[in-house]
Amino acid sequence: FEMSGWCLLLLFLSYSDAVWRPVVLMHGILADAADMNAVKGWIEKDFPGITVVNVEIGEGKNSSIFMDINSQVESFARTVQSHPALQRGFNLIGHSQGGLITRAYIEKYNHPAVYNYMSWAGPHDGVYGTPNFNSLCPDNFCPWLNWVMDLVLNSWWEADVQHRISFAAYWKDPFNQAHYLSTNLFLADLNNERATKNMQYKKNFASLNKALLIYSTADQVIVPKQSPWFTFWTWGSDSHLTAMRESDQYKGDWIGLKTLDEAGKLQMHAIPCQHGDIVKESCKSYYDLYSKPLLNNQL
């Protein structure tokens, strides 16, 4: 009985010393950190005492679209690497464009390391098509949206445009593969699409304990809406899709997707929420179902 009592005491002490693995949140395009406050609240309620770092980049909404996306990745990395509570690793949630920024952190830095990665409607295979940005920012608040779209549609390949408009750097014209590969300043590198592969990208991404890819069947912002599943227009078409497991990206395991998938570490789920609603109370049930279990771990 005495030995049993000591064992119970030691078990209690070891449990009381354990802390929840921190969580980092990254908001999406035409959004700011405040748009992730509801998600922060859900996590803090579910895991009392947990550290949740809700990252802001630059000036929020305006910076999310008018700041070079590579600079956004660098800013995100500086925030994470300088935060004392994150030095032993963390779980990571990125919404929308935040899914790309966070994956870029994993592939390019991953120090401190990400344990479980959750991408909520991140356009991982790029975008090509007219997005309903007004669902995120109506014209009376963002009167320049049409100008931005015209600029990207007509000059997406120009370095100056990619530096000035974040999503121009993950605009992927399926009718101009060679031009995309030669001029793109972000996505082609991140997805290891060029002939010379960065093996560190694959090593870092494949090191994840779990990766969750959420795509929205009702998405009107990401075109095609299946891009969060690494599914995109077949080269030469804007009507036929090449699914992830049929793609050269997956078959060649360019960033470790196949490695994660074959190890049972890749989770893919479709949800019926509008793009901007994924982080709102109306879609919390999908957080509970798919993401909450991936946050239930300790350092």
Protein backbone atom coordinates (compact mmCIF):
# COMPACT_ATOMS: atom_id res chain seq x y z
CA PHE A 1 0.00 0.00 0.00
CA GLU A 2 2.83 2.39 0.88
CA MET A 3 4.58 1.75 -2.43
CA SER A 4 1.28 2.23 -4.26
CA GLY A 5 0.79 5.56 -2.51
CA TRP A 6 4.24 6.75 -3.56
CA CYS A 7 3.54 5.75 -7.15
CA LEU A 8 0.32 7.72 -7.17
CA LEU A 9 2.09 10.75 -5.69
CA LEU A 10 4.86 10.59 -8.29
CA LEU A 11 2.28 10.24 -11.05
CA PHE A 12 0.42 13.29 -9.74
CA LEU A 13 3.60 15.35 -9.50
CA SER A 14 4.71 14.43 -13.00
CA TYR A 15 1.26 15.30 -14.37
CA SER A 16 1.15 18.60 -12.50
CA ASP A 17 4.54 19.55 -13.94
CA ALA A 18 3.38 18.86 -17.49
CA VAL A 19 2.13 21.77 -19.54
CA TRP A 20 0.01 21.90 -22.63
CA ARG A 21 2.01 22.29 -25.82
CA PRO A 22 1.55 25.94 -26.86
CA VAL A 23 -0.50 26.87 -29.93
CA VAL A 24 0.32 29.49 -32.53
CA LEU A 25 -2.41 31.04 -34.71
CA MET A 26 -1.95 32.84 -38.02
CA HIS A 27 -4.86 34.70 -39.63
CA GLY A 28 -5.65 34.88 -43.31
CA ILE A 29 -5.85 37.41 -46.12
CA LEU A 30 -7.93 40.56 -45.59
CA ALA A 31 -7.95 39.73 -41.89
CA ASP A 32 -6.02 40.51 -38.73
CA ALA A 33 -5.26 38.79 -35.44
CA ALA A 34 -8.60 39.90 -34.00
CA ASP A 35 -10.32 37.59 -36.50
CA MET A 36 -8.69 34.65 -34.70
CA ASN A 37 -9.78 35.75 -31.22
CA ALA A 38 -12.73 33.34 -31.17
CA VAL A 39 -10.41 30.43 -31.98
CA LYS A 40 -8.01 31.58 -29.26
CA GLY A 41 -10.91 31.56 -26.81
CA TRP A 42 -12.00 28.05 -27.78
CA ILE A 43 -8.51 26.69 -27.21
CA GLU A 44 -8.02 28.47 -23.88
CA LYS A 45 -11.35 27.13 -22.64
CA ASP A 46 -10.59 23.57 -23.76
CA PHE A 47 -7.06 23.52 -22.34
CA PRO A 48 -6.89 25.72 -19.22
CA GLY A 49 -3.52 27.37 -18.72
CA ILE A 50 -2.38 26.83 -22.29
CA THR A 51 -0.29 29.46 -24.08
CA VAL A 52 -1.90 30.65 -27.32
CA VAL A 53 0.09 33.08 -29.45
CA ASN A 54 -2.15 34.91 -31.91
CA VAL A 55 0.32 36.36 -34.42
CA GLU A 56 -0.10 39.72 -36.11
CA ILE A 57 2.00 40.81 -39.06
CA GLY A 58 2.53 44.46 -39.88
CA GLU A 59 -0.70 46.45 -39.82
CA GLY A 60 -3.09 43.52 -40.03
CA LYS A 61 -5.67 43.60 -42.82
CA ASN A 62 -3.79 45.94 -45.15
CA SER A 63 -0.47 44.20 -44.62
CA SER A 64 -2.06 40.81 -45.28
CA ILE A 65 -2.62 41.78 -48.91
CA PHE A 66 -0.15 44.64 -49.56
CA MET A 67 2.93 43.14 -47.88
CA ASP A 68 5.28 40.81 -49.77
CA ILE A 69 4.35 37.29 -48.64
CA ASN A 70 7.99 36.28 -48.22
CA SER A 71 8.37 39.24 -45.85
CA GLN A 72 5.26 38.04 -44.01
CA VAL A 73 6.86 34.62 -43.55
CA GLU A 74 10.03 36.25 -42.20
CA SER A 75 7.99 38.38 -39.79
CA PHE A 76 6.10 35.31 -38.59
CA ALA A 77 9.36 33.45 -38.02
CA ARG A 78 10.83 36.34 -36.00
CA THR A 79 7.75 36.43 -33.77
CA VAL A 80 7.81 32.69 -33.13
CA GLN A 81 11.54 32.42 -32.63
CA SER A 82 11.64 35.28 -30.13
CA HIS A 83 8.75 34.04 -27.97
CA PRO A 84 10.07 32.37 -24.79
CA ALA A 85 7.05 30.09 -24.37
CA LEU A 86 7.51 28.51 -27.79
CA GLN A 87 11.11 27.38 -27.58
CA ARG A 88 10.24 23.73 -26.83
CA GLY A 89 7.91 23.48 -29.81
CA PHE A 90 4.25 24.15 -30.50
CA ASN A 91 1.13 23.22 -32.46
CA LEU A 92 0.26 25.47 -35.37
CA ILE A 93 -3.02 26.62 -36.96
CA GLY A 94 -3.10 28.74 -40.12
CA HIS A 95 -6.28 30.01 -41.75
CA SER A 96 -6.50 30.97 -45.43
CA GLN A 97 -3.28 32.69 -46.52
CA GLY A 98 -2.07 31.98 -43.00
CA GLY A 99 -1.95 28.32 -44.05
CA LEU A 100 0.72 29.18 -46.60
CA ILE A 101 2.67 31.44 -44.24
CA THR A 102 2.72 28.75 -41.57
CA ARG A 103 3.72 25.97 -43.97
CA ALA A 104 6.51 28.20 -45.26
CA TYR A 105 7.71 28.57 -41.66
CA ILE A 106 7.79 24.79 -41.26
CA GLU A 107 9.66 24.17 -44.50
CA LYS A 108 12.13 27.04 -44.23
CA TYR A 109 12.72 27.29 -40.47
CA ASN A 110 10.94 24.83 -38.15
CA HIS A 111 13.07 25.93 -35.22
CA PRO A 112 11.45 25.83 -32.77
CA ALA A 113 9.69 22.83 -34.26
CA VAL A 114 6.02 22.38 -35.06
CA TYR A 115 4.41 19.24 -33.65
CA ASN A 116 0.92 19.15 -35.19
CA TYR A 117 0.05 21.41 -38.12
CA MET A 118 -3.52 22.42 -38.98
CA SER A 119 -4.28 24.25 -42.21
CA TRP A 120 -7.78 25.68 -42.48
CA ALA A 121 -8.50 26.45 -46.16
CA GLY A 122 -4.92 27.37 -46.99
CA PRO A 123 -4.44 27.65 -50.79
CA HIS A 124 -1.48 25.26 -50.87
CA ASP A 125 -1.52 24.59 -54.59
CA GLY A 126 -2.12 28.21 -55.53
CA VAL A 127 -5.09 30.15 -56.88
CA TYR A 128 -6.41 30.87 -60.34
CA GLY A 129 -9.87 32.36 -60.75
CA THR A 130 -11.93 35.29 -59.55
CA PRO A 131 -12.25 35.20 -55.75
CA ASN A 132 -15.19 36.62 -53.85
CA PHE A 133 -13.02 38.93 -51.75
CA ASN A 134 -16.08 41.04 -50.99
CA SER A 135 -17.25 38.28 -48.67
CA LEU A 136 -14.21 39.14 -46.55
CA CYS A 137 -14.11 42.89 -47.13
CA PRO A 138 -17.05 44.76 -48.75
CA ASP A 139 -16.34 47.51 -51.29
CA ASN A 140 -17.11 50.30 -48.81
CA PHE A 141 -14.17 49.08 -46.69
CA CYS A 142 -11.93 47.83 -49.52
CA PRO A 143 -12.75 50.00 -52.56
CA TRP A 144 -9.44 49.04 -54.18
CA LEU A 145 -10.21 45.34 -54.61
CA ASN A 146 -11.11 45.58 -58.30
CA TRP A 147 -7.86 47.47 -58.96
CA VAL A 148 -5.91 44.76 -57.14
CA MET A 149 -7.56 41.97 -59.14
CA ASP A 150 -6.96 43.76 -62.45
CA LEU A 151 -3.31 44.24 -61.55
CA VAL A 152 -2.83 40.56 -60.72
CA LEU A 153 -4.78 39.29 -63.73
CA ASN A 154 -2.79 41.42 -66.14
CA SER A 155 0.68 41.37 -64.53
CA TRP A 156 0.88 38.41 -62.14
CA TRP A 157 4.32 37.40 -63.42
CA GLU A 158 6.00 40.74 -62.73
CA ALA A 159 8.27 40.79 -59.70
CA ASP A 160 7.03 44.22 -58.64
CA VAL A 161 3.42 42.99 -58.56
CA GLN A 162 4.36 39.89 -56.56
CA HIS A 163 6.21 42.07 -54.05
CA ARG A 164 3.26 44.46 -53.73
CA ILE A 165 0.28 42.04 -53.71
CA SER A 166 0.60 38.98 -51.50
CA PHE A 167 -1.56 36.56 -53.46
CA ALA A 168 0.15 37.41 -56.76
CA ALA A 169 3.02 35.29 -55.42
CA TYR A 170 0.78 32.23 -55.27
CA TRP A 171 -1.21 32.98 -58.44
CA LYS A 172 -0.73 29.92 -60.65
CA ASP A 173 -1.79 30.29 -64.27
CA PRO A 174 -2.46 26.75 -65.57
CA PHE A 175 -2.00 27.94 -69.15
CA ASN A 176 1.51 29.28 -68.55
CA GLN A 177 3.44 26.62 -66.67
CA ALA A 178 6.90 27.58 -67.90
CA HIS A 179 6.27 31.28 -67.23
CA TYR A 180 4.98 30.48 -63.74
CA LEU A 181 7.99 28.32 -62.89
CA SER A 182 10.46 30.91 -64.15
CA THR A 183 8.92 34.03 -62.60
CA ASN A 184 7.10 33.01 -59.42
CA LEU A 185 8.74 34.34 -56.26
CA PHE A 186 7.07 32.18 -53.62
CA LEU A 187 4.83 29.20 -54.36
CA ALA A 188 6.96 27.46 -56.98
CA ASP A 189 9.83 27.41 -54.48
CA LEU A 190 7.68 26.44 -51.48
CA ASN A 191 6.13 23.52 -53.37
CA ASN A 192 9.51 22.39 -54.73
CA GLU A 193 8.09 22.56 -58.26
CA ARG A 194 11.32 23.49 -60.00
CA ALA A 195 13.86 20.97 -61.28
CA THR A 196 16.25 21.58 -58.37
CA LYS A 197 14.58 20.47 -55.15
CA ASN A 198 15.25 21.85 -51.68
CA MET A 199 15.50 18.68 -49.61
CA GLN A 200 15.35 20.63 -46.34
CA TYR A 201 11.78 21.62 -47.20
CA LYS A 202 10.81 17.97 -47.50
CA LYS A 203 12.71 16.97 -44.37
CA ASN A 204 11.06 19.67 -42.27
CA PHE A 205 7.51 19.11 -43.50
CA ALA A 206 7.79 15.32 -43.27
CA SER A 207 8.95 15.66 -39.65
CA LEU A 208 5.45 16.68 -38.50
CA ASN A 209 3.64 14.40 -36.08
CA LYS A 210 0.35 15.14 -37.86
CA ALA A 211 -0.77 17.44 -40.68
CA LEU A 212 -4.43 18.37 -41.07
CA LEU A 213 -5.70 19.84 -44.34
CA ILE A 214 -9.18 21.36 -44.24
CA TYR A 215 -10.94 22.47 -47.40
CA SER A 216 -14.33 24.13 -47.62
CA THR A 217 -16.89 22.81 -50.06
CA ALA A 218 -18.59 26.23 -49.92
CA ASP A 219 -15.42 28.29 -50.43
CA GLN A 220 -15.83 31.26 -52.78
CA VAL A 221 -12.50 32.91 -51.97
CA ILE A 222 -10.05 30.14 -52.86
CA VAL A 223 -10.27 29.19 -56.55
CA PRO A 224 -10.21 26.29 -57.09
CA LYS A 225 -11.66 25.57 -53.67
CA GLN A 226 -9.81 22.22 -53.56
CA SER A 227 -6.39 23.90 -53.52
CA PRO A 228 -6.13 23.41 -49.72
CA TRP A 229 -5.92 19.67 -50.51
CA PHE A 230 -3.01 20.25 -52.94
CA THR A 231 -5.50 19.78 -55.76
CA PHE A 232 -5.36 22.19 -58.70
CA TRP A 233 -6.28 22.79 -62.31
CA THR A 234 -4.56 20.36 -64.64
CA TRP A 235 -1.92 22.17 -66.68
CA GLY A 236 -3.62 23.55 -69.79
CA SER A 237 -7.10 23.60 -68.26
CA ASP A 238 -9.20 25.67 -65.88
CA SER A 239 -12.02 23.14 -65.71
CA HIS A 240 -10.33 19.81 -64.93
CA LEU A 241 -8.65 19.17 -61.59
CA THR A 242 -5.66 16.97 -60.78
CA ALA A 243 -6.16 15.46 -57.33
CA MET A 244 -3.29 15.45 -54.86
CA ARG A 245 -2.50 11.75 -55.08
CA GLU A 246 -2.51 11.94 -58.89
CA SER A 247 -0.13 14.90 -58.99
CA ASP A 248 3.59 14.97 -59.75
CA GLN A 249 3.97 16.83 -56.45
CA TYR A 250 2.66 13.84 -54.49
CA LYS A 251 4.16 11.07 -56.61
CA GLY A 252 7.59 12.71 -56.44
CA ASP A 253 7.14 13.44 -52.72
CA TRP A 254 8.59 16.90 -53.35
CA ILE A 255 7.71 18.27 -49.89
CA GLY A 256 6.96 15.05 -48.02
CA LEU A 257 3.20 14.77 -48.58
CA LYS A 258 3.46 11.16 -49.66
CA THR A 259 5.75 10.36 -46.73
CA LEU A 260 3.23 11.80 -44.26
CA ASP A 261 0.30 10.13 -46.01
CA GLU A 262 1.86 6.66 -46.09
CA ALA A 263 2.78 6.99 -42.41
CA GLY A 264 -0.85 7.77 -41.52
CA LYS A 265 0.10 11.29 -40.47
CA LEU A 266 -1.89 13.22 -43.08
CA GLN A 267 -5.52 14.02 -42.30
CA MET A 268 -7.81 15.56 -44.92
CA HIS A 269 -11.35 16.74 -44.22
CA ALA A 270 -13.96 18.74 -46.11
CA ILE A 271 -16.31 21.08 -44.28
CA PRO A 272 -19.33 23.09 -45.56
CA CYS A 273 -18.36 26.48 -44.08
CA GLN A 274 -17.83 29.67 -46.05
CA HIS A 275 -14.17 30.66 -46.21
CA GLY A 276 -14.36 33.47 -43.67
CA ASP A 277 -16.68 31.54 -41.35
CA ILE A 278 -14.22 28.76 -40.55
CA VAL A 279 -12.87 30.82 -37.63
CA LYS A 280 -16.34 31.80 -36.36
CA GLU A 281 -18.69 30.26 -33.81
CA SER A 282 -20.95 28.89 -36.56
CA CYS A 283 -18.17 26.49 -37.59
CA LYS A 284 -16.77 25.66 -34.16
CA SER A 285 -18.15 22.11 -34.39
CA TYR A 286 -15.52 21.35 -37.06
CA TYR A 287 -12.76 22.68 -34.82
CA ASP A 288 -14.07 20.37 -32.09
CA LEU A 289 -14.15 17.42 -34.46
CA TYR A 290 -10.86 17.75 -36.33
CA SER A 291 -8.47 20.23 -34.72
CA LYS A 292 -9.14 20.01 -30.99
CA PRO A 293 -7.87 16.40 -30.76
CA LEU A 294 -4.56 17.51 -32.34
CA LEU A 295 -4.09 20.12 -29.61
CA ASN A 296 -4.54 17.60 -26.80
CA ASN A 297 -0.86 16.99 -26.12
CA GLN A 298 1.74 18.15 -23.63
CA LEU A 299 5.41 19.07 -23.63
